[in-house]
N, C-alpha and C. Protein backbone atom coordinates (compact mmCIF):
# COMPACT_ATOMS: atom_id res chain seq x y z
N MET A 1 9.21 7.74 15.62
CA MET A 1 9.38 6.44 14.45
C MET A 1 10.51 5.43 14.47
N PRO A 2 10.30 4.06 15.07
CA PRO A 2 11.82 3.49 14.73
C PRO A 2 11.89 3.42 13.41
N LEU A 3 13.24 3.13 13.05
CA LEU A 3 13.36 3.26 11.87
C LEU A 3 13.87 0.89 10.94
N ASP A 4 13.29 1.13 10.17
CA ASP A 4 13.18 -0.73 10.12
C ASP A 4 13.60 -0.70 8.14
N ILE A 5 14.99 -1.01 8.23
CA ILE A 5 15.53 -1.43 7.17
C ILE A 5 15.30 -2.77 6.22
N ARG A 6 14.76 -2.55 5.49
CA ARG A 6 14.58 -4.22 4.61
C ARG A 6 15.24 -3.83 3.27
N PHE A 7 16.36 -5.11 3.15
CA PHE A 7 16.88 -5.37 1.97
C PHE A 7 15.91 -5.79 0.76
N VAL A 8 16.02 -5.28 -0.33
CA VAL A 8 15.17 -5.61 -1.55
C VAL A 8 16.57 -6.35 -2.66
N GLU A 9 15.94 -7.39 -3.47
CA GLU A 9 16.44 -7.49 -4.45
C GLU A 9 15.49 -6.52 -5.94
N ALA A 10 16.06 -5.96 -6.45
CA ALA A 10 15.76 -6.05 -7.78
C ALA A 10 14.97 -6.49 -8.26
N ASP A 11 14.72 -7.67 -8.23
CA ASP A 11 14.21 -8.67 -8.75
C ASP A 11 12.60 -8.53 -8.38
N GLN A 12 12.46 -8.15 -6.58
CA GLN A 12 11.34 -7.76 -6.15
C GLN A 12 10.65 -7.05 -6.86
N VAL A 13 11.10 -5.90 -6.92
CA VAL A 13 10.41 -4.71 -7.53
C VAL A 13 9.93 -5.34 -9.03
N THR A 14 8.42 -5.33 -9.02
CA THR A 14 7.94 -5.72 -10.44
C THR A 14 6.46 -5.51 -10.38
N MET A 15 5.73 -5.51 -11.35
CA MET A 15 4.72 -5.20 -11.74
C MET A 15 3.24 -6.87 -11.01
N PRO A 16 2.77 -6.63 -10.55
CA PRO A 16 1.87 -7.73 -9.81
C PRO A 16 1.39 -7.98 -10.91
N ASP A 17 0.14 -7.09 -11.32
CA ASP A 17 -0.37 -7.05 -12.94
C ASP A 17 0.66 -7.39 -14.21
N PRO A 18 0.59 -7.48 -14.90
CA PRO A 18 1.49 -7.40 -15.96
C PRO A 18 0.54 -6.71 -17.20
N TRP A 19 -0.16 -6.98 -16.71
CA TRP A 19 -1.51 -6.05 -17.74
C TRP A 19 -2.05 -5.05 -17.48
N GLU A 20 -0.45 -4.19 -16.10
CA GLU A 20 -1.35 -2.73 -15.72
C GLU A 20 -0.23 -1.44 -16.20
N LEU A 21 0.20 -2.48 -17.50
CA LEU A 21 1.28 -1.50 -18.03
C LEU A 21 0.80 -0.30 -18.73
N THR A 22 1.32 0.93 -18.04
CA THR A 22 0.53 2.17 -18.21
C THR A 22 1.86 3.38 -18.72
N GLU A 23 1.67 4.53 -19.22
CA GLU A 23 3.11 5.14 -19.08
C GLU A 23 3.24 6.02 -17.68
N ARG A 24 2.42 5.39 -16.41
CA ARG A 24 3.32 5.82 -15.38
C ARG A 24 3.57 4.24 -14.70
N LEU A 25 3.06 3.63 -14.96
CA LEU A 25 3.43 2.17 -14.14
C LEU A 25 4.37 1.51 -15.28
N ALA A 26 5.54 1.35 -14.76
CA ALA A 26 6.79 0.17 -15.44
C ALA A 26 7.10 -0.44 -14.63
N ASP A 27 7.31 -1.78 -15.16
CA ASP A 27 8.58 -2.61 -13.82
C ASP A 27 8.68 -2.07 -12.57
N GLY A 28 7.02 -2.11 -12.25
CA GLY A 28 6.76 -1.89 -10.03
C GLY A 28 7.06 -0.33 -10.15
N ILE A 29 7.44 0.28 -10.68
CA ILE A 29 7.66 1.87 -10.11
C ILE A 29 6.53 2.66 -10.50
N VAL A 30 5.50 3.37 -10.19
CA VAL A 30 4.43 4.54 -10.47
C VAL A 30 5.24 5.18 -10.29
N PHE A 31 5.26 6.49 -11.57
CA PHE A 31 5.73 7.78 -11.52
C PHE A 31 4.59 8.79 -11.73
N ASP A 32 4.99 9.81 -11.19
CA ASP A 32 3.92 11.11 -11.64
C ASP A 32 4.15 12.02 -13.12
N THR A 33 3.22 12.82 -12.97
CA THR A 33 3.51 13.19 -14.57
C THR A 33 4.55 13.80 -14.88
N PHE A 34 5.76 13.97 -13.85
CA PHE A 34 6.76 14.70 -14.01
C PHE A 34 8.05 13.63 -14.58
N GLY A 35 7.67 12.32 -14.38
CA GLY A 35 8.57 10.83 -14.57
C GLY A 35 9.37 10.91 -13.30
N ASN A 36 8.79 11.21 -11.91
CA ASN A 36 9.66 11.33 -10.61
C ASN A 36 8.61 9.61 -10.55
N PRO A 37 9.47 9.00 -9.42
CA PRO A 37 8.89 7.89 -8.89
C PRO A 37 8.56 8.29 -7.67
N VAL A 38 7.38 7.75 -7.60
CA VAL A 38 5.80 8.33 -6.43
C VAL A 38 6.05 6.89 -5.26
N GLU A 39 5.84 5.48 -6.11
CA GLU A 39 5.75 4.74 -5.14
C GLU A 39 6.30 3.11 -6.07
N TYR A 40 6.68 2.38 -5.44
CA TYR A 40 7.33 1.33 -5.33
C TYR A 40 6.46 -0.05 -5.24
N HIS A 41 6.30 -1.58 -6.03
CA HIS A 41 5.54 -2.19 -6.07
C HIS A 41 6.44 -3.48 -5.66
N VAL A 42 6.63 -4.03 -4.03
CA VAL A 42 7.85 -4.81 -4.12
C VAL A 42 7.21 -5.94 -3.29
N LEU A 43 7.62 -7.35 -4.16
CA LEU A 43 6.72 -8.45 -3.83
C LEU A 43 7.73 -8.96 -2.27
N GLN A 44 6.70 -9.11 -1.38
CA GLN A 44 6.73 -9.80 -0.27
C GLN A 44 8.34 -10.86 -0.12
N ASP A 45 8.13 -12.01 -1.17
CA ASP A 45 9.02 -12.63 -1.60
C ASP A 45 9.95 -12.53 -2.51
N HIS A 46 11.16 -12.97 -2.42
CA HIS A 46 11.73 -13.47 -4.50
C HIS A 46 11.05 -13.93 -5.21
N PRO A 47 11.04 -13.59 -6.39
CA PRO A 47 10.02 -13.73 -7.24
C PRO A 47 9.98 -15.69 -7.46
N SER A 48 11.16 -16.01 -7.41
CA SER A 48 11.60 -17.84 -7.16
C SER A 48 10.56 -18.64 -6.01
N GLU A 49 10.30 -17.87 -4.95
CA GLU A 49 9.57 -18.18 -3.92
C GLU A 49 8.37 -17.59 -4.29
N ALA A 50 8.16 -16.89 -4.47
CA ALA A 50 6.65 -15.75 -4.80
C ALA A 50 6.11 -16.80 -6.17
N ALA A 51 6.49 -17.82 -6.37
CA ALA A 51 6.10 -18.30 -8.08
C ALA A 51 5.22 -19.34 -6.81
N GLN A 52 5.26 -20.42 -5.59
CA GLN A 52 4.73 -20.98 -5.10
C GLN A 52 3.38 -20.15 -3.86
N ARG A 53 3.74 -19.07 -4.15
CA ARG A 53 2.03 -18.04 -3.46
C ARG A 53 1.55 -17.38 -4.66
N SER A 54 2.05 -16.32 -4.27
CA SER A 54 0.94 -15.46 -5.69
C SER A 54 2.06 -13.86 -5.83
N TYR A 55 1.83 -13.23 -6.97
CA TYR A 55 2.45 -12.05 -7.10
C TYR A 55 1.38 -10.90 -6.53
N ALA A 56 0.10 -11.23 -6.30
CA ALA A 56 -0.58 -10.51 -5.57
C ALA A 56 0.11 -10.01 -3.94
N ASP A 57 0.77 -11.13 -3.74
CA ASP A 57 1.29 -10.52 -2.18
C ASP A 57 2.86 -9.78 -2.41
N PHE A 58 2.19 -8.74 -2.57
CA PHE A 58 3.15 -7.39 -2.68
C PHE A 58 3.21 -5.75 -1.94
N ASP A 59 3.85 -5.29 -1.28
CA ASP A 59 3.66 -4.48 -0.72
C ASP A 59 4.14 -2.99 -2.00
N ARG A 60 2.97 -1.73 -1.43
CA ARG A 60 3.07 -0.33 -2.37
C ARG A 60 4.05 0.53 -1.17
N ILE A 61 5.60 0.17 -1.09
CA ILE A 61 6.14 1.09 -0.90
C ILE A 61 6.25 2.56 -1.78
N PRO A 62 6.22 3.89 -0.39
CA PRO A 62 6.01 5.11 -1.23
C PRO A 62 7.78 6.00 -1.32
N ALA A 63 8.01 6.13 -2.76
CA ALA A 63 9.31 6.39 -2.58
C ALA A 63 9.73 7.32 -1.87
N PRO A 64 9.70 8.47 -0.99
CA PRO A 64 10.64 8.71 -0.11
C PRO A 64 11.21 7.38 0.85
N ALA A 65 10.34 6.27 0.86
CA ALA A 65 11.27 5.76 2.34
C ALA A 65 11.83 4.32 1.63
N MET A 66 12.26 4.73 0.11
CA MET A 66 12.85 3.60 -0.33
C MET A 66 14.52 4.64 -0.83
N LEU A 67 15.56 3.83 -0.53
CA LEU A 67 16.66 4.03 -0.52
C LEU A 67 17.50 3.39 -2.09
N PRO A 68 18.37 4.00 -2.85
CA PRO A 68 19.10 3.50 -4.17
C PRO A 68 20.10 2.96 -3.37
């Protein structure tokens, strides 16, 4: 499997639906019961560009696929 690197600004990691806020989902990061990141919600475009489209256009990235 080839390596595919995509640079993401912190602003792109966000909650597509702000009403989904739970103790396991905060600011675009899904946590397991121990507080470890499991998944990241990453907008396909920067928020200033996404305003023209929709916050629904996001990718769910598994935590092991993200580098700090």
